[in-house]
């Protein structure tokens, strides 16, 4: 019986393009059985033997590397290859992809990162190695940056295999077994093993945190990724908690600098130190009154360690700080 890939010349061409797109660049590779599984998952019904014959033809035509030292054979584009691209990427598209990768690379699931790797590499090539038609696009990367709001710290070391396992389990809603050392354990070279349900990744400053539910418990916690010493993805899946909201969790957690209760905050601040609050308010309901040499500020915010550190950072330029719980105002 004719396979889907063989129904027509048009469908056959699409099938071959799909195959070419799935072959990674060196040093990564993909086996014929992995490629067969990926294509059948997309609805192509063909035998492994047919795919292997087509792969051999593609190797001859496109210079794809076949590693026949093991079975099943593994395939890869050379590191210098441009892979397969349907159209030439313009400079603006390359610029957008480079900016996106810089800011999203920690949040891409491992499967997406692998499949998009050649696209990001092509974007880098278009901007920095090919004779770009628009020099302004090439120079743009040197003209934009994100400046830290506080003392910058170098990011902690996160094991790449740990991040890969976590992103895979997070993407597929699969259980994860981790070896983790909290602050106390780390000081004494100790660690513990846990089975967890990964729910979210959060970046705060230079740190990455995994929000998770420990197996057998209902409460939700967050773990610093740089304290994970090992991670293994289980074949078992779990049902993602329907009531979990990441934004609510972040706002309620003291560990992220938030989390005690909503308060009505009032304080006085020197006019020079406080002028930025006229441009970037603390909240939507902020009221700021100008006086001789200072501002009086009132706003509804979350009480937190982060708020205390922010207020203390102004030293004697902030005074008459008053906090009243919103619940108390409602009851009054």
C-alpha atoms as a PDB file:
ATOM      1  CA  UNK A   1       0.000   0.000   0.000  1.00  0.00           C
ATOM      2  CA  UNK A   2       1.306   3.462  -0.831  1.00  0.00           C
ATOM      3  CA  UNK A   3       2.552   5.426   2.144  1.00  0.00           C
ATOM      4  CA  UNK A   4       1.487   8.966   2.875  1.00  0.00           C
ATOM      5  CA  UNK A   5       4.963  10.107   1.891  1.00  0.00           C
ATOM      6  CA  UNK A   6       4.530   8.439  -1.520  1.00  0.00           C
ATOM      7  CA  UNK A   7       0.993   9.560  -2.408  1.00  0.00           C
ATOM      8  CA  UNK A   8       2.121  12.361  -4.703  1.00  0.00           C
ATOM      9  CA  UNK A   9       5.221  14.188  -5.803  1.00  0.00           C
ATOM     10  CA  UNK A  10       4.054  17.198  -3.791  1.00  0.00           C
ATOM     11  CA  UNK A  11       3.567  15.199  -0.598  1.00  0.00           C
ATOM     12  CA  UNK A  12       6.818  13.363  -1.204  1.00  0.00           C
ATOM     13  CA  UNK A  13       8.661  16.671  -1.434  1.00  0.00           C
ATOM     14  CA  UNK A  14       7.089  17.880   1.821  1.00  0.00           C
ATOM     15  CA  UNK A  15       8.045  14.607   3.513  1.00  0.00           C
ATOM     16  CA  UNK A  16      11.678  14.960   2.388  1.00  0.00           C
ATOM     17  CA  UNK A  17      11.791  18.568   3.587  1.00  0.00           C
ATOM     18  CA  UNK A  18      10.404  17.511   6.971  1.00  0.00           C
ATOM     19  CA  UNK A  19      13.108  14.870   7.185  1.00  0.00           C
ATOM     20  CA  UNK A  20      15.849  17.371   6.311  1.00  0.00           C
ATOM     21  CA  UNK A  21      14.567  19.863   8.900  1.00  0.00           C
ATOM     22  CA  UNK A  22      14.707  17.244  11.644  1.00  0.00           C
ATOM     23  CA  UNK A  23      18.370  16.371  11.089  1.00  0.00           C
ATOM     24  CA  UNK A  24      20.459  18.405  13.576  1.00  0.00           C
ATOM     25  CA  UNK A  25      23.859  19.975  13.117  1.00  0.00           C
ATOM     26  CA  UNK A  26      27.033  18.440  14.454  1.00  0.00           C
ATOM     27  CA  UNK A  27      27.828  17.636  17.289  1.00  0.00           C
ATOM     28  CA  UNK A  28      24.193  16.561  17.739  1.00  0.00           C
ATOM     29  CA  UNK A  29      22.758  13.741  15.674  1.00  0.00           C
ATOM     30  CA  UNK A  30      19.570  11.742  15.221  1.00  0.00           C
ATOM     31  CA  UNK A  31      19.139   8.030  14.591  1.00  0.00           C
ATOM     32  CA  UNK A  32      17.011   6.588  11.806  1.00  0.00           C
ATOM     33  CA  UNK A  33      14.608   5.098  14.372  1.00  0.00           C
ATOM     34  CA  UNK A  34      14.251   8.461  16.156  1.00  0.00           C
ATOM     35  CA  UNK A  35      13.592  10.140  12.817  1.00  0.00           C
ATOM     36  CA  UNK A  36      11.058   7.458  11.923  1.00  0.00           C
ATOM     37  CA  UNK A  37       9.256   7.961  15.244  1.00  0.00           C
ATOM     38  CA  UNK A  38       9.147  11.753  14.755  1.00  0.00           C
ATOM     39  CA  UNK A  39       7.746  11.485  11.232  1.00  0.00           C
ATOM     40  CA  UNK A  40       5.139   8.864  12.098  1.00  0.00           C
ATOM     41  CA  UNK A  41       4.031  11.118  14.982  1.00  0.00           C
ATOM     42  CA  UNK A  42       3.306  13.744  12.317  1.00  0.00           C
ATOM     43  CA  UNK A  43       1.127  11.306  10.406  1.00  0.00           C
ATOM     44  CA  UNK A  44       3.578   9.910   7.829  1.00  0.00           C
ATOM     45  CA  UNK A  45       3.009   6.162   7.479  1.00  0.00           C
ATOM     46  CA  UNK A  46       6.172   4.657   6.076  1.00  0.00           C
ATOM     47  CA  UNK A  47       8.405   1.761   6.981  1.00  0.00           C
ATOM     48  CA  UNK A  48      11.742   2.197   8.669  1.00  0.00           C
ATOM     49  CA  UNK A  49      13.399   0.533   5.677  1.00  0.00           C
ATOM     50  CA  UNK A  50      11.862   3.091   3.288  1.00  0.00           C
ATOM     51  CA  UNK A  51      13.082   5.933   5.472  1.00  0.00           C
ATOM     52  CA  UNK A  52      16.587   4.460   5.596  1.00  0.00           C
ATOM     53  CA  UNK A  53      16.730   4.289   1.785  1.00  0.00           C
ATOM     54  CA  UNK A  54      15.553   7.900   1.522  1.00  0.00           C
ATOM     55  CA  UNK A  55      18.129   8.956   4.095  1.00  0.00           C
ATOM     56  CA  UNK A  56      20.899   7.392   2.042  1.00  0.00           C
ATOM     57  CA  UNK A  57      19.747   9.352  -1.015  1.00  0.00           C
ATOM     58  CA  UNK A  58      19.701  12.584   0.998  1.00  0.00           C
ATOM     59  CA  UNK A  59      23.196  11.897   2.333  1.00  0.00           C
ATOM     60  CA  UNK A  60      24.480  11.569  -1.226  1.00  0.00           C
ATOM     61  CA  UNK A  61      22.632  14.668  -2.458  1.00  0.00           C
ATOM     62  CA  UNK A  62      23.183  17.066   0.461  1.00  0.00           C
ATOM     63  CA  UNK A  63      26.393  15.857   2.063  1.00  0.00           C
ATOM     64  CA  UNK A  64      24.677  14.818   5.292  1.00  0.00           C
ATOM     65  CA  UNK A  65      27.004  12.846   7.564  1.00  0.00           C
ATOM     66  CA  UNK A  66      26.024   9.247   8.332  1.00  0.00           C
ATOM     67  CA  UNK A  67      27.658   7.624  11.363  1.00  0.00           C
ATOM     68  CA  UNK A  68      27.550   3.898  10.601  1.00  0.00           C
ATOM     69  CA  UNK A  69      29.713   2.857  13.548  1.00  0.00           C
ATOM     70  CA  UNK A  70      26.596   1.899  15.482  1.00  0.00           C
ATOM     71  CA  UNK A  71      23.098   0.709  14.710  1.00  0.00           C
ATOM     72  CA  UNK A  72      20.747   2.270  14.089  1.00  0.00           C
ATOM     73  CA  UNK A  73      22.825   4.690  12.027  1.00  0.00           C
ATOM     74  CA  UNK A  74      22.926   8.320  13.166  1.00  0.00           C
ATOM     75  CA  UNK A  75      22.697  11.375  10.906  1.00  0.00           C
ATOM     76  CA  UNK A  76      23.814  14.997  11.186  1.00  0.00           C
ATOM     77  CA  UNK A  77      24.564  18.083   9.129  1.00  0.00           C
ATOM     78  CA  UNK A  78      28.168  19.219   9.291  1.00  0.00           C
ATOM     79  CA  UNK A  79      28.864  22.089  11.700  1.00  0.00           C
ATOM     80  CA  UNK A  80      29.555  24.402   8.745  1.00  0.00           C
ATOM     81  CA  UNK A  81      26.388  23.487   6.880  1.00  0.00           C
ATOM     82  CA  UNK A  82      23.554  25.980   6.598  1.00  0.00           C
ATOM     83  CA  UNK A  83      21.099  23.083   6.875  1.00  0.00           C
ATOM     84  CA  UNK A  84      17.837  23.491   5.035  1.00  0.00           C
ATOM     85  CA  UNK A  85      15.993  26.783   4.795  1.00  0.00           C
ATOM     86  CA  UNK A  86      13.006  27.517   2.615  1.00  0.00           C
ATOM     87  CA  UNK A  87      13.810  31.214   2.190  1.00  0.00           C
ATOM     88  CA  UNK A  88      16.634  33.634   2.854  1.00  0.00           C
ATOM     89  CA  UNK A  89      16.329  35.319   6.247  1.00  0.00           C
ATOM     90  CA  UNK A  90      16.479  39.100   6.022  1.00  0.00           C
ATOM     91  CA  UNK A  91      18.505  41.245   8.415  1.00  0.00           C
ATOM     92  CA  UNK A  92      15.515  42.384  10.461  1.00  0.00           C
ATOM     93  CA  UNK A  93      14.323  38.798  10.982  1.00  0.00           C
ATOM     94  CA  UNK A  94      17.838  37.759  12.027  1.00  0.00           C
ATOM     95  CA  UNK A  95      18.003  40.665  14.487  1.00  0.00           C
ATOM     96  CA  UNK A  96      14.661  39.732  16.035  1.00  0.00           C
ATOM     97  CA  UNK A  97      15.718  36.101  16.482  1.00  0.00           C
ATOM     98  CA  UNK A  98      19.044  37.051  18.065  1.00  0.00           C
ATOM     99  CA  UNK A  99      17.330  39.359  20.567  1.00  0.00           C
ATOM    100  CA  UNK A 100      14.677  36.732  21.309  1.00  0.00           C
ATOM    101  CA  UNK A 101      17.275  34.019  21.922  1.00  0.00           C
ATOM    102  CA  UNK A 102      19.283  36.190  24.340  1.00  0.00           C
ATOM    103  CA  UNK A 103      16.256  36.783  26.544  1.00  0.00           C
ATOM    104  CA  UNK A 104      14.340  33.515  26.134  1.00  0.00           C
ATOM    105  CA  UNK A 105      17.045  30.839  25.976  1.00  0.00           C
ATOM    106  CA  UNK A 106      16.466  29.706  29.588  1.00  0.00           C
ATOM    107  CA  UNK A 107      12.717  29.415  29.042  1.00  0.00           C
ATOM    108  CA  UNK A 108      12.642  27.378  25.840  1.00  0.00           C
ATOM    109  CA  UNK A 109      11.800  23.695  26.425  1.00  0.00           C
ATOM    110  CA  UNK A 110      14.685  21.467  25.454  1.00  0.00           C
ATOM    111  CA  UNK A 111      12.782  19.977  22.515  1.00  0.00           C
ATOM    112  CA  UNK A 112      12.045  23.433  21.104  1.00  0.00           C
ATOM    113  CA  UNK A 113      15.597  24.616  21.711  1.00  0.00           C
ATOM    114  CA  UNK A 114      16.957  21.646  19.780  1.00  0.00           C
ATOM    115  CA  UNK A 115      14.583  22.089  16.855  1.00  0.00           C
ATOM    116  CA  UNK A 116      15.214  25.857  16.695  1.00  0.00           C
ATOM    117  CA  UNK A 117      18.981  25.628  17.098  1.00  0.00           C
ATOM    118  CA  UNK A 118      19.687  25.789  13.375  1.00  0.00           C
ATOM    119  CA  UNK A 119      17.339  28.776  13.028  1.00  0.00           C
ATOM    120  CA  UNK A 120      19.147  30.733  15.746  1.00  0.00           C
ATOM    121  CA  UNK A 121      22.500  29.746  14.236  1.00  0.00           C
ATOM    122  CA  UNK A 122      21.333  30.971  10.843  1.00  0.00           C
ATOM    123  CA  UNK A 123      20.260  34.282  12.426  1.00  0.00           C
ATOM    124  CA  UNK A 124      23.740  34.713  13.892  1.00  0.00           C
ATOM    125  CA  UNK A 125      25.330  33.913  10.546  1.00  0.00           C
ATOM    126  CA  UNK A 126      23.104  36.390   8.705  1.00  0.00           C
ATOM    127  CA  UNK A 127      24.004  39.190  11.131  1.00  0.00           C
ATOM    128  CA  UNK A 128      27.704  38.639  11.710  1.00  0.00           C
ATOM    129  CA  UNK A 129      29.213  36.548   8.909  1.00  0.00           C
ATOM    130  CA  UNK A 130      27.259  37.086   5.727  1.00  0.00           C
ATOM    131  CA  UNK A 131      27.621  40.439   3.981  1.00  0.00           C
ATOM    132  CA  UNK A 132      24.512  41.982   5.491  1.00  0.00           C
ATOM    133  CA  UNK A 133      22.636  44.336   3.228  1.00  0.00           C
ATOM    134  CA  UNK A 134      21.729  46.499   6.215  1.00  0.00           C
ATOM    135  CA  UNK A 135      24.714  47.425   8.383  1.00  0.00           C
ATOM    136  CA  UNK A 136      22.344  49.158  10.791  1.00  0.00           C
ATOM    137  CA  UNK A 137      20.782  45.805  11.733  1.00  0.00           C
ATOM    138  CA  UNK A 138      24.218  44.300  12.386  1.00  0.00           C
ATOM    139  CA  UNK A 139      25.162  47.243  14.633  1.00  0.00           C
ATOM    140  CA  UNK A 140      21.877  47.207  16.545  1.00  0.00           C
ATOM    141  CA  UNK A 141      22.985  44.456  18.938  1.00  0.00           C
ATOM    142  CA  UNK A 142      25.686  46.826  20.214  1.00  0.00           C
ATOM    143  CA  UNK A 143      23.140  49.574  20.794  1.00  0.00           C
ATOM    144  CA  UNK A 144      20.650  47.870  23.134  1.00  0.00           C
ATOM    145  CA  UNK A 145      21.072  46.337  26.590  1.00  0.00           C
ATOM    146  CA  UNK A 146      19.225  45.702  29.843  1.00  0.00           C
ATOM    147  CA  UNK A 147      20.852  47.409  32.829  1.00  0.00           C
ATOM    148  CA  UNK A 148      20.481  45.819  36.288  1.00  0.00           C
ATOM    149  CA  UNK A 149      18.338  47.571  38.910  1.00  0.00           C
ATOM    150  CA  UNK A 150      20.633  46.470  41.736  1.00  0.00           C
ATOM    151  CA  UNK A 151      24.236  45.367  42.279  1.00  0.00           C
ATOM    152  CA  UNK A 152      24.878  42.910  39.417  1.00  0.00           C
ATOM    153  CA  UNK A 153      25.958  39.392  40.368  1.00  0.00           C
ATOM    154  CA  UNK A 154      27.453  36.727  38.155  1.00  0.00           C
ATOM    155  CA  UNK A 155      24.931  33.932  37.546  1.00  0.00           C
ATOM    156  CA  UNK A 156      25.452  30.715  39.543  1.00  0.00           C
ATOM    157  CA  UNK A 157      26.573  27.607  37.701  1.00  0.00           C
ATOM    158  CA  UNK A 158      23.676  25.424  36.523  1.00  0.00           C
ATOM    159  CA  UNK A 159      24.527  21.994  35.137  1.00  0.00           C
ATOM    160  CA  UNK A 160      23.341  21.945  31.498  1.00  0.00           C
ATOM    161  CA  UNK A 161      22.111  18.350  31.773  1.00  0.00           C
ATOM    162  CA  UNK A 162      20.027  19.355  34.802  1.00  0.00           C
ATOM    163  CA  UNK A 163      18.449  22.276  32.935  1.00  0.00           C
ATOM    164  CA  UNK A 164      17.749  20.024  29.929  1.00  0.00           C
ATOM    165  CA  UNK A 165      16.046  17.394  32.103  1.00  0.00           C
ATOM    166  CA  UNK A 166      13.989  19.996  33.958  1.00  0.00           C
ATOM    167  CA  UNK A 167      12.798  21.704  30.778  1.00  0.00           C
ATOM    168  CA  UNK A 168      11.838  18.339  29.249  1.00  0.00           C
ATOM    169  CA  UNK A 169       9.873  17.239  32.322  1.00  0.00           C
ATOM    170  CA  UNK A 170       8.244  20.656  32.610  1.00  0.00           C
ATOM    171  CA  UNK A 171       7.189  20.638  28.962  1.00  0.00           C
ATOM    172  CA  UNK A 172       5.750  17.106  29.069  1.00  0.00           C
ATOM    173  CA  UNK A 173       4.215  17.224  32.608  1.00  0.00           C
ATOM    174  CA  UNK A 174       6.422  14.326  33.696  1.00  0.00           C
ATOM    175  CA  UNK A 175       7.697  13.465  37.146  1.00  0.00           C
ATOM    176  CA  UNK A 176      11.272  14.445  37.893  1.00  0.00           C
ATOM    177  CA  UNK A 177      13.744  12.856  40.291  1.00  0.00           C
ATOM    178  CA  UNK A 178      16.295  15.360  41.561  1.00  0.00           C
ATOM    179  CA  UNK A 179      19.262  15.373  43.901  1.00  0.00           C
ATOM    180  CA  UNK A 180      19.117  18.687  45.735  1.00  0.00           C
ATOM    181  CA  UNK A 181      21.209  20.444  48.376  1.00  0.00           C
ATOM    182  CA  UNK A 182      19.651  23.323  50.295  1.00  0.00           C
ATOM    183  CA  UNK A 183      21.818  26.019  51.888  1.00  0.00           C
ATOM    184  CA  UNK A 184      22.473  24.046  55.064  1.00  0.00           C
ATOM    185  CA  UNK A 185      23.192  20.788  53.219  1.00  0.00           C
ATOM    186  CA  UNK A 186      25.468  22.552  50.752  1.00  0.00           C
ATOM    187  CA  UNK A 187      27.652  23.901  53.551  1.00  0.00           C
ATOM    188  CA  UNK A 188      28.128  20.328  54.814  1.00  0.00           C
ATOM    189  CA  UNK A 189      28.431  18.613  51.401  1.00  0.00           C
ATOM    190  CA  UNK A 190      25.109  16.818  51.875  1.00  0.00           C
ATOM    191  CA  UNK A 191      22.115  16.376  49.564  1.00  0.00           C
ATOM    192  CA  UNK A 192      18.719  14.661  49.361  1.00  0.00           C
ATOM    193  CA  UNK A 193      16.768  12.923  46.603  1.00  0.00           C
ATOM    194  CA  UNK A 194      13.192  13.932  45.802  1.00  0.00           C
ATOM    195  CA  UNK A 195      10.458  13.016  43.352  1.00  0.00           C
ATOM    196  CA  UNK A 196       8.697  16.189  42.232  1.00  0.00           C
ATOM    197  CA  UNK A 197       6.128  17.554  39.792  1.00  0.00           C
ATOM    198  CA  UNK A 198       7.753  20.496  37.954  1.00  0.00           C
ATOM    199  CA  UNK A 199       5.244  23.333  37.459  1.00  0.00           C
ATOM    200  CA  UNK A 200       7.141  26.430  36.311  1.00  0.00           C
ATOM    201  CA  UNK A 201      10.476  28.164  35.779  1.00  0.00           C
ATOM    202  CA  UNK A 202      11.041  31.649  37.202  1.00  0.00           C
ATOM    203  CA  UNK A 203      14.017  33.927  36.638  1.00  0.00           C
ATOM    204  CA  UNK A 204      14.823  36.519  39.288  1.00  0.00           C
ATOM    205  CA  UNK A 205      17.931  38.543  38.618  1.00  0.00           C
ATOM    206  CA  UNK A 206      20.713  36.086  37.830  1.00  0.00           C
ATOM    207  CA  UNK A 207      18.951  33.118  39.458  1.00  0.00           C
ATOM    208  CA  UNK A 208      16.614  30.498  37.992  1.00  0.00           C
ATOM    209  CA  UNK A 209      14.029  28.804  40.215  1.00  0.00           C
ATOM    210  CA  UNK A 210      11.947  25.682  39.648  1.00  0.00           C
ATOM    211  CA  UNK A 211       8.437  25.892  41.081  1.00  0.00           C
ATOM    212  CA  UNK A 212       7.380  22.368  41.991  1.00  0.00           C
ATOM    213  CA  UNK A 213       5.105  20.138  44.012  1.00  0.00           C
ATOM    214  CA  UNK A 214       6.831  17.392  45.993  1.00  0.00           C
ATOM    215  CA  UNK A 215       5.335  13.952  45.425  1.00  0.00           C
ATOM    216  CA  UNK A 216       2.931  13.156  48.257  1.00  0.00           C
ATOM    217  CA  UNK A 217       2.454  16.788  49.309  1.00  0.00           C
ATOM    218  CA  UNK A 218      -0.078  19.435  48.284  1.00  0.00           C
ATOM    219  CA  UNK A 219       1.930  22.577  49.003  1.00  0.00           C
ATOM    220  CA  UNK A 220       4.007  24.226  46.288  1.00  0.00           C
ATOM    221  CA  UNK A 221       7.634  25.281  46.739  1.00  0.00           C
ATOM    222  CA  UNK A 222      10.437  26.681  44.647  1.00  0.00           C
ATOM    223  CA  UNK A 223      13.989  25.378  44.304  1.00  0.00           C
ATOM    224  CA  UNK A 224      17.135  27.130  43.120  1.00  0.00           C
ATOM    225  CA  UNK A 225      18.324  25.373  39.963  1.00  0.00           C
ATOM    226  CA  UNK A 226      22.011  25.846  40.803  1.00  0.00           C
ATOM    227  CA  UNK A 227      21.489  23.676  43.898  1.00  0.00           C
ATOM    228  CA  UNK A 228      20.202  20.746  41.814  1.00  0.00           C
ATOM    229  CA  UNK A 229      23.081  18.294  41.501  1.00  0.00           C
ATOM    230  CA  UNK A 230      21.275  15.800  39.240  1.00  0.00           C
ATOM    231  CA  UNK A 231      17.915  15.384  37.540  1.00  0.00           C
ATOM    232  CA  UNK A 232      16.274  12.443  35.773  1.00  0.00           C
ATOM    233  CA  UNK A 233      13.036  12.555  33.791  1.00  0.00           C
ATOM    234  CA  UNK A 234      10.503   9.844  34.630  1.00  0.00           C
ATOM    235  CA  UNK A 235       8.348   8.079  32.067  1.00  0.00           C
ATOM    236  CA  UNK A 236       5.346   8.779  34.329  1.00  0.00           C
ATOM    237  CA  UNK A 237       3.192  11.834  33.677  1.00  0.00           C
ATOM    238  CA  UNK A 238       1.100  13.813  36.165  1.00  0.00           C
ATOM    239  CA  UNK A 239      -2.005  15.972  35.945  1.00  0.00           C
ATOM    240  CA  UNK A 240      -1.039  19.637  36.121  1.00  0.00           C
ATOM    241  CA  UNK A 241      -2.861  21.263  39.084  1.00  0.00           C
ATOM    242  CA  UNK A 242      -5.796  23.182  37.605  1.00  0.00           C
ATOM    243  CA  UNK A 243      -5.882  25.755  40.403  1.00  0.00           C
ATOM    244  CA  UNK A 244      -2.230  26.752  40.145  1.00  0.00           C
ATOM    245  CA  UNK A 245      -1.554  30.286  38.867  1.00  0.00           C
ATOM    246  CA  UNK A 246       2.109  31.247  38.494  1.00  0.00           C
ATOM    247  CA  UNK A 247       1.538  35.012  38.788  1.00  0.00           C
ATOM    248  CA  UNK A 248      -0.429  34.551  42.015  1.00  0.00           C
ATOM    249  CA  UNK A 249       2.243  32.247  43.406  1.00  0.00           C
ATOM    250  CA  UNK A 250       5.045  34.730  42.711  1.00  0.00           C
ATOM    251  CA  UNK A 251       3.100  37.593  44.294  1.00  0.00           C
ATOM    252  CA  UNK A 252       2.420  35.561  47.428  1.00  0.00           C
ATOM    253  CA  UNK A 253       5.900  34.166  48.007  1.00  0.00           C
ATOM    254  CA  UNK A 254       8.287  35.867  50.415  1.00  0.00           C
ATOM    255  CA  UNK A 255      11.090  33.838  48.847  1.00  0.00           C
ATOM    256  CA  UNK A 256      10.737  35.898  45.682  1.00  0.00           C
ATOM    257  CA  UNK A 257      10.710  39.090  47.730  1.00  0.00           C
ATOM    258  CA  UNK A 258       6.928  39.255  47.926  1.00  0.00           C
ATOM    259  CA  UNK A 259       4.320  37.658  50.013  1.00  0.00           C
ATOM    260  CA  UNK A 260       3.193  38.883  53.414  1.00  0.00           C
ATOM    261  CA  UNK A 261      -0.061  40.834  52.808  1.00  0.00           C
ATOM    262  CA  UNK A 262      -1.509  43.758  50.890  1.00  0.00           C
ATOM    263  CA  UNK A 263      -0.982  47.047  52.698  1.00  0.00           C
ATOM    264  CA  UNK A 264      -1.638  50.739  52.330  1.00  0.00           C
ATOM    265  CA  UNK A 265       1.856  52.237  52.422  1.00  0.00           C
ATOM    266  CA  UNK A 266       2.531  55.875  53.282  1.00  0.00           C
ATOM    267  CA  UNK A 267       5.875  57.640  53.564  1.00  0.00           C
ATOM    268  CA  UNK A 268       7.684  60.898  52.950  1.00  0.00           C
ATOM    269  CA  UNK A 269      10.656  61.044  50.603  1.00  0.00           C
ATOM    270  CA  UNK A 270      13.164  63.719  49.624  1.00  0.00           C
ATOM    271  CA  UNK A 271      12.138  65.429  46.378  1.00  0.00           C
ATOM    272  CA  UNK A 272      15.348  64.455  44.549  1.00  0.00           C
ATOM    273  CA  UNK A 273      15.244  60.800  45.640  1.00  0.00           C
ATOM    274  CA  UNK A 274      11.501  60.524  45.077  1.00  0.00           C
ATOM    275  CA  UNK A 275      11.068  62.263  41.722  1.00  0.00           C
ATOM    276  CA  UNK A 276      11.198  58.936  39.845  1.00  0.00           C
ATOM    277  CA  UNK A 277       7.947  57.936  41.592  1.00  0.00           C
ATOM    278  CA  UNK A 278       6.169  60.665  39.627  1.00  0.00           C
ATOM    279  CA  UNK A 279       7.220  58.782  36.468  1.00  0.00           C
ATOM    280  CA  UNK A 280       7.130  55.155  37.634  1.00  0.00           C
ATOM    281  CA  UNK A 281       4.430  54.773  40.336  1.00  0.00           C
ATOM    282  CA  UNK A 282       4.447  52.074  42.989  1.00  0.00           C
ATOM    283  CA  UNK A 283       0.865  51.115  42.099  1.00  0.00           C
ATOM    284  CA  UNK A 284      -2.075  52.133  39.942  1.00  0.00           C
ATOM    285  CA  UNK A 285      -3.724  53.871  42.917  1.00  0.00           C
ATOM    286  CA  UNK A 286      -0.603  55.778  44.017  1.00  0.00           C
ATOM    287  CA  UNK A 287      -1.254  59.312  45.276  1.00  0.00           C
ATOM    288  CA  UNK A 288       1.750  61.637  45.468  1.00  0.00           C
ATOM    289  CA  UNK A 289       1.615  65.116  46.972  1.00  0.00           C
ATOM    290  CA  UNK A 290       4.418  67.647  46.507  1.00  0.00           C
ATOM    291  CA  UNK A 291       5.557  69.663  49.515  1.00  0.00           C
ATOM    292  CA  UNK A 292       8.476  71.991  50.136  1.00  0.00           C
ATOM    293  CA  UNK A 293      11.500  69.750  49.455  1.00  0.00           C
ATOM    294  CA  UNK A 294       9.716  66.392  49.732  1.00  0.00           C
ATOM    295  CA  UNK A 295       6.845  64.223  48.504  1.00  0.00           C
ATOM    296  CA  UNK A 296       4.174  62.457  50.528  1.00  0.00           C
ATOM    297  CA  UNK A 297       3.395  59.106  48.886  1.00  0.00           C
ATOM    298  CA  UNK A 298       0.474  56.730  49.432  1.00  0.00           C
ATOM    299  CA  UNK A 299       0.026  53.450  47.523  1.00  0.00           C
ATOM    300  CA  UNK A 300      -1.434  49.957  47.905  1.00  0.00           C
ATOM    301  CA  UNK A 301       1.347  47.354  47.625  1.00  0.00           C
ATOM    302  CA  UNK A 302       2.375  43.914  48.893  1.00  0.00           C
ATOM    303  CA  UNK A 303       4.289  44.030  52.163  1.00  0.00           C
ATOM    304  CA  UNK A 304       7.543  42.145  51.700  1.00  0.00           C
ATOM    305  CA  UNK A 305      11.248  41.884  52.409  1.00  0.00           C
ATOM    306  CA  UNK A 306      11.845  43.410  48.981  1.00  0.00           C
ATOM    307  CA  UNK A 307       9.775  46.466  49.932  1.00  0.00           C
ATOM    308  CA  UNK A 308      11.674  46.854  53.206  1.00  0.00           C
ATOM    309  CA  UNK A 309      15.025  46.670  51.414  1.00  0.00           C
ATOM    310  CA  UNK A 310      13.833  49.222  48.866  1.00  0.00           C
ATOM    311  CA  UNK A 311      12.718  51.682  51.569  1.00  0.00           C
ATOM    312  CA  UNK A 312      15.868  51.158  53.657  1.00  0.00           C
ATOM    313  CA  UNK A 313      17.997  51.822  50.588  1.00  0.00           C
ATOM    314  CA  UNK A 314      17.005  55.500  50.699  1.00  0.00           C
ATOM    315  CA  UNK A 315      18.415  55.905  54.215  1.00  0.00           C
ATOM    316  CA  UNK A 316      17.439  59.204  55.837  1.00  0.00           C
ATOM    317  CA  UNK A 317      15.815  60.393  52.609  1.00  0.00           C
ATOM    318  CA  UNK A 318      12.690  58.404  53.593  1.00  0.00           C
ATOM    319  CA  UNK A 319      10.810  59.013  56.835  1.00  0.00           C
ATOM    320  CA  UNK A 320       7.410  58.633  58.515  1.00  0.00           C
ATOM    321  CA  UNK A 321       6.860  55.176  57.002  1.00  0.00           C
ATOM    322  CA  UNK A 322       3.409  53.829  57.832  1.00  0.00           C
ATOM    323  CA  UNK A 323       1.947  50.443  56.893  1.00  0.00           C
ATOM    324  CA  UNK A 324      -1.702  49.475  57.389  1.00  0.00           C
ATOM    325  CA  UNK A 325      -3.079  46.112  56.268  1.00  0.00           C
ATOM    326  CA  UNK A 326      -5.788  46.489  53.626  1.00  0.00           C
ATOM    327  CA  UNK A 327      -7.967  44.016  55.567  1.00  0.00           C
ATOM    328  CA  UNK A 328      -7.840  46.312  58.609  1.00  0.00           C
ATOM    329  CA  UNK A 329      -8.974  49.266  56.501  1.00  0.00           C
ATOM    330  CA  UNK A 330     -11.910  47.213  55.164  1.00  0.00           C
ATOM    331  CA  UNK A 331     -12.941  46.086  58.675  1.00  0.00           C
ATOM    332  CA  UNK A 332     -12.686  49.590  60.133  1.00  0.00           C
END
